[in-house]
C-alpha atoms as a PDB file:
ATOM      1  CA  TYR A   1     -20.459 -40.975  21.379  1.00  0.00           C
ATOM      2  CA  ILE A   2     -22.004 -37.544  21.892  1.00  0.00           C
ATOM      3  CA  ASP A   3     -22.567 -35.916  18.511  1.00  0.00           C
ATOM      4  CA  ASN A   4     -24.109 -32.632  19.598  1.00  0.00           C
ATOM      5  CA  PHE A   5     -23.407 -31.046  22.977  1.00  0.00           C
ATOM      6  CA  ASN A   6     -25.045 -27.965  24.501  1.00  0.00           C
ATOM      7  CA  ALA A   7     -22.447 -26.329  26.712  1.00  0.00           C
ATOM      8  CA  ASP A   8     -23.371 -25.094  30.175  1.00  0.00           C
ATOM      9  CA  ASP A   9     -21.659 -22.376  32.184  1.00  0.00           C
ATOM     10  CA  TRP A  10     -18.749 -24.631  33.128  1.00  0.00           C
ATOM     11  CA  ILE A  11     -17.388 -24.104  29.630  1.00  0.00           C
ATOM     12  CA  VAL A  12     -16.495 -20.565  30.675  1.00  0.00           C
ATOM     13  CA  GLU A  13     -14.513 -21.792  33.659  1.00  0.00           C
ATOM     14  CA  GLY A  14     -12.911 -24.769  31.974  1.00  0.00           C
ATOM     15  CA  GLU A  15     -12.677 -26.804  35.166  1.00  0.00           C
ATOM     16  CA  ASP A  16     -14.017 -30.053  33.731  1.00  0.00           C
ATOM     17  CA  TYR A  17     -12.120 -30.209  30.452  1.00  0.00           C
ATOM     18  CA  GLY A  18     -11.092 -33.814  31.181  1.00  0.00           C
ATOM     19  CA  TYR A  19     -14.648 -34.771  30.254  1.00  0.00           C
ATOM     20  CA  MET A  20     -13.923 -33.749  26.682  1.00  0.00           C
ATOM     21  CA  TYR A  21     -10.866 -35.979  26.547  1.00  0.00           C
ATOM     22  CA  MET A  22     -12.812 -39.010  27.731  1.00  0.00           C
ATOM     23  CA  ASN A  23     -15.950 -38.474  25.607  1.00  0.00           C
ATOM     24  CA  PRO A  24     -15.848 -38.109  21.802  1.00  0.00           C
ATOM     25  CA  VAL A  25     -17.871 -34.909  21.351  1.00  0.00           C
ATOM     26  CA  HIS A  26     -17.986 -33.929  17.673  1.00  0.00           C
ATOM     27  CA  THR A  27     -20.037 -30.729  17.801  1.00  0.00           C
ATOM     28  CA  ILE A  28     -20.492 -28.227  20.617  1.00  0.00           C
ATOM     29  CA  ILE A  29     -23.098 -25.478  20.709  1.00  0.00           C
ATOM     30  CA  LEU A  30     -21.913 -22.652  22.911  1.00  0.00           C
ATOM     31  CA  PRO A  31     -24.696 -20.620  24.552  1.00  0.00           C
ATOM     32  CA  GLU A  32     -25.789 -17.265  23.201  1.00  0.00           C
ATOM     33  CA  GLY A  33     -24.828 -14.528  25.610  1.00  0.00           C
ATOM     34  CA  LEU A  34     -21.468 -16.131  26.395  1.00  0.00           C
ATOM     35  CA  GLN A  35     -18.873 -13.397  26.875  1.00  0.00           C
ATOM     36  CA  GLU A  36     -15.702 -15.350  27.443  1.00  0.00           C
ATOM     37  CA  ILE A  37     -14.336 -18.798  26.668  1.00  0.00           C
ATOM     38  CA  GLY A  38     -12.169 -19.428  29.689  1.00  0.00           C
ATOM     39  CA  ASP A  39      -8.668 -20.838  30.070  1.00  0.00           C
ATOM     40  CA  PHE A  40      -8.468 -24.563  29.202  1.00  0.00           C
ATOM     41  CA  ALA A  41     -12.220 -24.609  28.512  1.00  0.00           C
ATOM     42  CA  LEU A  42     -12.115 -27.206  25.731  1.00  0.00           C
ATOM     43  CA  THR A  43      -8.558 -28.474  25.972  1.00  0.00           C
ATOM     44  CA  ASN A  44      -8.184 -32.030  24.658  1.00  0.00           C
ATOM     45  CA  ALA A  45     -11.598 -32.169  22.975  1.00  0.00           C
ATOM     46  CA  ARG A  46      -9.877 -34.345  20.426  1.00  0.00           C
ATOM     47  CA  HIS A  47     -12.989 -35.350  18.461  1.00  0.00           C
ATOM     48  CA  LEU A  48     -14.379 -31.830  18.150  1.00  0.00           C
ATOM     49  CA  GLU A  49     -14.683 -31.021  14.444  1.00  0.00           C
ATOM     50  CA  GLN A  50     -16.293 -27.578  14.362  1.00  0.00           C
ATOM     51  CA  ILE A  51     -17.094 -24.687  16.634  1.00  0.00           C
ATOM     52  CA  THR A  52     -18.958 -21.400  16.308  1.00  0.00           C
ATOM     53  CA  ILE A  53     -17.815 -18.605  18.595  1.00  0.00           C
ATOM     54  CA  PRO A  54     -20.937 -16.704  19.769  1.00  0.00           C
ATOM     55  CA  ALA A  55     -21.290 -13.059  18.766  1.00  0.00           C
ATOM     56  CA  GLY A  56     -20.780 -11.673  22.287  1.00  0.00           C
ATOM     57  CA  VAL A  57     -17.500 -13.428  23.123  1.00  0.00           C
ATOM     58  CA  THR A  58     -14.741 -10.881  23.815  1.00  0.00           C
ATOM     59  CA  ARG A  59     -11.925 -13.243  24.818  1.00  0.00           C
ATOM     60  CA  ILE A  60     -10.784 -16.751  23.992  1.00  0.00           C
ATOM     61  CA  GLY A  61      -8.742 -17.905  26.955  1.00  0.00           C
ATOM     62  CA  GLU A  62      -5.382 -19.586  27.310  1.00  0.00           C
ATOM     63  CA  SER A  63      -5.276 -23.093  25.788  1.00  0.00           C
ATOM     64  CA  ALA A  64      -9.042 -22.942  25.250  1.00  0.00           C
ATOM     65  CA  PHE A  65      -8.891 -25.269  22.232  1.00  0.00           C
ATOM     66  CA  GLU A  66      -5.425 -26.727  22.728  1.00  0.00           C
ATOM     67  CA  GLU A  67      -4.991 -30.249  21.327  1.00  0.00           C
ATOM     68  CA  CYS A  68      -8.372 -30.229  19.558  1.00  0.00           C
ATOM     69  CA  ARG A  69      -6.777 -32.378  16.901  1.00  0.00           C
ATOM     70  CA  SER A  70      -9.892 -32.949  14.777  1.00  0.00           C
ATOM     71  CA  LEU A  71     -10.963 -29.300  14.691  1.00  0.00           C
ATOM     72  CA  GLU A  72     -11.460 -28.296  11.059  1.00  0.00           C
ATOM     73  CA  SER A  73     -13.707 -25.255  11.240  1.00  0.00           C
ATOM     74  CA  VAL A  74     -13.847 -22.197  13.503  1.00  0.00           C
ATOM     75  CA  THR A  75     -16.598 -19.675  12.745  1.00  0.00           C
ATOM     76  CA  PHE A  76     -16.943 -16.294  14.404  1.00  0.00           C
ATOM     77  CA  ALA A  77     -20.572 -15.160  14.667  1.00  0.00           C
ATOM     78  CA  GLY A  78     -19.794 -11.534  15.567  1.00  0.00           C
ATOM     79  CA  LYS A  79     -17.130  -8.884  16.025  1.00  0.00           C
ATOM     80  CA  ALA A  80     -16.969  -8.475  19.807  1.00  0.00           C
ATOM     81  CA  LEU A  81     -13.803 -10.580  20.128  1.00  0.00           C
ATOM     82  CA  ARG A  82     -10.733  -8.602  21.204  1.00  0.00           C
ATOM     83  CA  GLU A  83      -8.180 -11.125  22.448  1.00  0.00           C
ATOM     84  CA  ILE A  84      -7.077 -14.649  21.598  1.00  0.00           C
ATOM     85  CA  ASP A  85      -4.884 -15.706  24.484  1.00  0.00           C
ATOM     86  CA  ASP A  86      -1.725 -17.859  24.594  1.00  0.00           C
ATOM     87  CA  TRP A  87      -1.843 -21.383  23.173  1.00  0.00           C
ATOM     88  CA  ALA A  88      -5.557 -21.061  22.328  1.00  0.00           C
ATOM     89  CA  PHE A  89      -5.412 -23.284  19.229  1.00  0.00           C
ATOM     90  CA  TYR A  90      -2.097 -25.022  19.860  1.00  0.00           C
ATOM     91  CA  ASN A  91      -1.707 -28.334  18.011  1.00  0.00           C
ATOM     92  CA  CYS A  92      -5.044 -28.174  16.191  1.00  0.00           C
ATOM     93  CA  HIS A  93      -3.584 -30.354  13.462  1.00  0.00           C
ATOM     94  CA  THR A  94      -6.535 -30.373  11.038  1.00  0.00           C
ATOM     95  CA  LEU A  95      -7.427 -26.676  11.066  1.00  0.00           C
ATOM     96  CA  LYS A  96      -6.852 -25.500   7.479  1.00  0.00           C
ATOM     97  CA  ASN A  97      -8.224 -21.967   7.162  1.00  0.00           C
ATOM     98  CA  ILE A  98      -9.299 -19.268   9.585  1.00  0.00           C
ATOM     99  CA  THR A  99     -10.424 -15.670   9.294  1.00  0.00           C
ATOM    100  CA  ILE A 100      -9.922 -13.596  12.438  1.00  0.00           C
ATOM    101  CA  PRO A 101     -12.736 -11.027  12.746  1.00  0.00           C
ATOM    102  CA  GLU A 102     -12.325  -7.261  12.768  1.00  0.00           C
ATOM    103  CA  GLY A 103     -11.929  -5.938  16.296  1.00  0.00           C
ATOM    104  CA  VAL A 104      -9.338  -8.436  17.506  1.00  0.00           C
ATOM    105  CA  THR A 105      -6.258  -6.589  18.752  1.00  0.00           C
ATOM    106  CA  THR A 106      -4.158  -9.346  20.314  1.00  0.00           C
ATOM    107  CA  ILE A 107      -3.036 -12.811  19.252  1.00  0.00           C
ATOM    108  CA  GLY A 108      -1.075 -14.292  22.123  1.00  0.00           C
ATOM    109  CA  ASN A 109       2.015 -16.485  22.293  1.00  0.00           C
ATOM    110  CA  ALA A 110       1.900 -19.802  20.404  1.00  0.00           C
ATOM    111  CA  VAL A 111      -1.804 -19.404  19.561  1.00  0.00           C
ATOM    112  CA  PHE A 112      -1.559 -21.412  16.336  1.00  0.00           C
ATOM    113  CA  LYS A 113       1.724 -23.195  17.033  1.00  0.00           C
ATOM    114  CA  GLY A 114       1.783 -26.715  15.611  1.00  0.00           C
ATOM    115  CA  CYS A 115      -1.265 -26.216  13.372  1.00  0.00           C
ATOM    116  CA  THR A 116       0.427 -28.177  10.626  1.00  0.00           C
ATOM    117  CA  ALA A 117      -2.539 -28.156   8.194  1.00  0.00           C
ATOM    118  CA  LEU A 118      -3.113 -24.398   8.397  1.00  0.00           C
ATOM    119  CA  GLU A 119      -2.804 -23.118   4.834  1.00  0.00           C
ATOM    120  CA  SER A 120      -4.157 -19.602   5.162  1.00  0.00           C
ATOM    121  CA  ILE A 121      -5.131 -17.099   7.815  1.00  0.00           C
ATOM    122  CA  THR A 122      -6.650 -13.678   7.380  1.00  0.00           C
ATOM    123  CA  LEU A 123      -5.706 -11.106   9.994  1.00  0.00           C
ATOM    124  CA  PRO A 124      -7.764  -7.916  10.480  1.00  0.00           C
ATOM    125  CA  ASN A 125      -6.295  -4.426  10.433  1.00  0.00           C
ATOM    126  CA  THR A 126      -7.233  -4.015  14.100  1.00  0.00           C
ATOM    127  CA  ILE A 127      -4.446  -6.329  15.267  1.00  0.00           C
ATOM    128  CA  THR A 128      -1.547  -4.612  17.034  1.00  0.00           C
ATOM    129  CA  ASP A 129       0.127  -7.519  18.854  1.00  0.00           C
ATOM    130  CA  ILE A 130       1.125 -10.977  17.604  1.00  0.00           C
ATOM    131  CA  GLY A 131       2.905 -13.033  20.245  1.00  0.00           C
ATOM    132  CA  GLY A 132       6.080 -15.049  19.978  1.00  0.00           C
ATOM    133  CA  SER A 133       5.779 -18.474  18.313  1.00  0.00           C
ATOM    134  CA  ALA A 134       2.213 -17.587  17.302  1.00  0.00           C
ATOM    135  CA  PHE A 135       2.524 -19.496  14.021  1.00  0.00           C
ATOM    136  CA  SER A 136       5.588 -21.605  14.752  1.00  0.00           C
ATOM    137  CA  GLY A 137       5.478 -24.995  13.049  1.00  0.00           C
ATOM    138  CA  CYS A 138       2.600 -24.110  10.713  1.00  0.00           C
ATOM    139  CA  THR A 139       4.237 -26.107   7.963  1.00  0.00           C
ATOM    140  CA  SER A 140       1.428 -25.666   5.418  1.00  0.00           C
ATOM    141  CA  LEU A 141       1.117 -21.876   5.716  1.00  0.00           C
ATOM    142  CA  LYS A 142       1.997 -20.357   2.351  1.00  0.00           C
ATOM    143  CA  SER A 143       1.559 -16.618   2.788  1.00  0.00           C
ATOM    144  CA  ILE A 144       0.858 -13.985   5.408  1.00  0.00           C
ATOM    145  CA  THR A 145       0.070 -10.288   5.415  1.00  0.00           C
ATOM    146  CA  ILE A 146       0.909  -8.699   8.736  1.00  0.00           C
ATOM    147  CA  PRO A 147      -1.472  -5.843   9.656  1.00  0.00           C
ATOM    148  CA  GLU A 148      -0.289  -2.242   9.635  1.00  0.00           C
ATOM    149  CA  GLY A 149      -0.722  -1.814  13.396  1.00  0.00           C
ATOM    150  CA  VAL A 150       1.926  -4.421  14.245  1.00  0.00           C
ATOM    151  CA  THR A 151       5.270  -2.833  15.199  1.00  0.00           C
ATOM    152  CA  ILE A 152       7.204  -5.851  16.524  1.00  0.00           C
ATOM    153  CA  ILE A 153       7.574  -9.387  15.207  1.00  0.00           C
ATOM    154  CA  PHE A 154       8.487 -11.336  18.309  1.00  0.00           C
ATOM    155  CA  PRO A 155      10.896 -14.294  18.564  1.00  0.00           C
ATOM    156  CA  GLU A 156      10.050 -17.415  16.558  1.00  0.00           C
ATOM    157  CA  THR A 157       6.684 -16.067  15.426  1.00  0.00           C
ATOM    158  CA  PHE A 158       6.972 -17.884  12.089  1.00  0.00           C
ATOM    159  CA  LYS A 159       9.692 -20.385  12.958  1.00  0.00           C
ATOM    160  CA  ASP A 160       9.698 -23.578  10.860  1.00  0.00           C
ATOM    161  CA  CYS A 161       6.898 -22.410   8.580  1.00  0.00           C
ATOM    162  CA  SER A 162       8.550 -24.452   5.869  1.00  0.00           C
ATOM    163  CA  SER A 163       6.004 -23.592   3.132  1.00  0.00           C
ATOM    164  CA  LEU A 164       5.882 -19.854   3.866  1.00  0.00           C
ATOM    165  CA  LYS A 165       7.069 -18.126   0.704  1.00  0.00           C
ATOM    166  CA  SER A 166       5.230 -14.800   0.719  1.00  0.00           C
ATOM    167  CA  VAL A 167       5.319 -12.313   3.598  1.00  0.00           C
ATOM    168  CA  THR A 168       4.082  -8.724   3.536  1.00  0.00           C
ATOM    169  CA  LEU A 169       5.473  -6.599   6.346  1.00  0.00           C
ATOM    170  CA  PRO A 170       3.664  -3.465   7.611  1.00  0.00           C
ATOM    171  CA  ASN A 171       5.098   0.005   7.014  1.00  0.00           C
ATOM    172  CA  GLY A 172       5.160   0.839  10.735  1.00  0.00           C
ATOM    173  CA  LEU A 173       7.225  -2.208  11.720  1.00  0.00           C
ATOM    174  CA  THR A 174      10.205  -1.339  13.934  1.00  0.00           C
ATOM    175  CA  HIS A 175      11.611  -4.640  15.266  1.00  0.00           C
ATOM    176  CA  ILE A 176      12.135  -8.154  13.882  1.00  0.00           C
ATOM    177  CA  ARG A 177      13.274 -10.371  16.743  1.00  0.00           C
ATOM    178  CA  SER A 178      15.449 -13.483  16.889  1.00  0.00           C
ATOM    179  CA  GLY A 179      14.266 -16.521  14.973  1.00  0.00           C
ATOM    180  CA  ALA A 180      11.166 -14.707  13.717  1.00  0.00           C
ATOM    181  CA  PHE A 181      11.296 -16.423  10.335  1.00  0.00           C
ATOM    182  CA  THR A 182      13.812 -19.197  11.018  1.00  0.00           C
ATOM    183  CA  GLY A 183      13.398 -22.150   8.665  1.00  0.00           C
ATOM    184  CA  SER A 184      10.795 -20.499   6.453  1.00  0.00           C
ATOM    185  CA  ALA A 185      10.685 -20.710   2.646  1.00  0.00           C
ATOM    186  CA  ILE A 186      10.666 -16.952   2.002  1.00  0.00           C
ATOM    187  CA  GLU A 187      12.111 -16.208  -1.419  1.00  0.00           C
ATOM    188  CA  GLU A 188      12.156 -12.407  -1.326  1.00  0.00           C
ATOM    189  CA  LEU A 189      11.136  -9.771   1.163  1.00  0.00           C
ATOM    190  CA  THR A 190      10.845  -6.006   1.351  1.00  0.00           C
ATOM    191  CA  ILE A 191      11.969  -4.623   4.696  1.00  0.00           C
ATOM    192  CA  PRO A 192      10.139  -1.365   5.534  1.00  0.00           C
ATOM    193  CA  GLU A 193      12.252   1.729   6.144  1.00  0.00           C
ATOM    194  CA  SER A 194      10.659   1.981   9.590  1.00  0.00           C
ATOM    195  CA  VAL A 195      12.579  -1.078  10.852  1.00  0.00           C
ATOM    196  CA  THR A 196      15.270   0.049  13.299  1.00  0.00           C
ATOM    197  CA  CYS A 197      16.241  -3.280  14.859  1.00  0.00           C
ATOM    198  CA  MET A 198      16.590  -6.687  13.209  1.00  0.00           C
ATOM    199  CA  ASP A 199      18.205  -9.496  15.195  1.00  0.00           C
ATOM    200  CA  LYS A 200      20.940 -11.482  13.449  1.00  0.00           C
ATOM    201  CA  SER A 201      19.069 -14.783  13.580  1.00  0.00           C
ATOM    202  CA  ALA A 202      15.728 -13.375  12.388  1.00  0.00           C
ATOM    203  CA  PHE A 203      16.065 -15.148   9.028  1.00  0.00           C
ATOM    204  CA  TYR A 204      18.283 -18.058  10.072  1.00  0.00           C
ATOM    205  CA  LYS A 205      18.054 -21.094   7.760  1.00  0.00           C
ATOM    206  CA  CYS A 206      15.982 -19.229   5.170  1.00  0.00           C
ATOM    207  CA  ALA A 207      17.770 -20.977   2.327  1.00  0.00           C
ATOM    208  CA  SER A 208      15.538 -19.594  -0.435  1.00  0.00           C
ATOM    209  CA  LEU A 209      15.794 -15.942   0.569  1.00  0.00           C
ATOM    210  CA  ARG A 210      17.417 -13.807  -2.106  1.00  0.00           C
END
């Protein structure tokens, strides 16, 4: 197998991601100066165990690390990152902890969906948008503090987070959409006075909620 792989420019484009499925690459060194990790760049790199995002990267593209089922560690070398696009870390089953760096404003749809080992995630105050199903099926996630800049919790954002007991909502929150916390383990929750719209099914099957 290939234990250590120096990525060339094709990583940005993501056109040859099938190579990663066929070859058990455990470690990838992304080049300094890289500004974007493109859509599907490392999809199906199922033996990849760790990755460092170079300091100059501003965007992680759609499905960039989707189905990287052995990925345990993601390190951010800098604070240039602004956007993590849809499905970027979908089904990364062994990812346990992640700290999103300051400067990120957008976490797309289903970014961490199906990350069943994810126990904790730290979100920076710069975040304003968290997409639908972003954390759906993160069955090990125990707590979450949603940054103050977030005004809408979109549908199914935390659906089936069956270990999620503690949630802190931001004071500027205005909408909680359908299925946002369906099937979670929330025991108690303070709804900010700023909330003007809460869909009926937002807390469906939250059996522990008092």
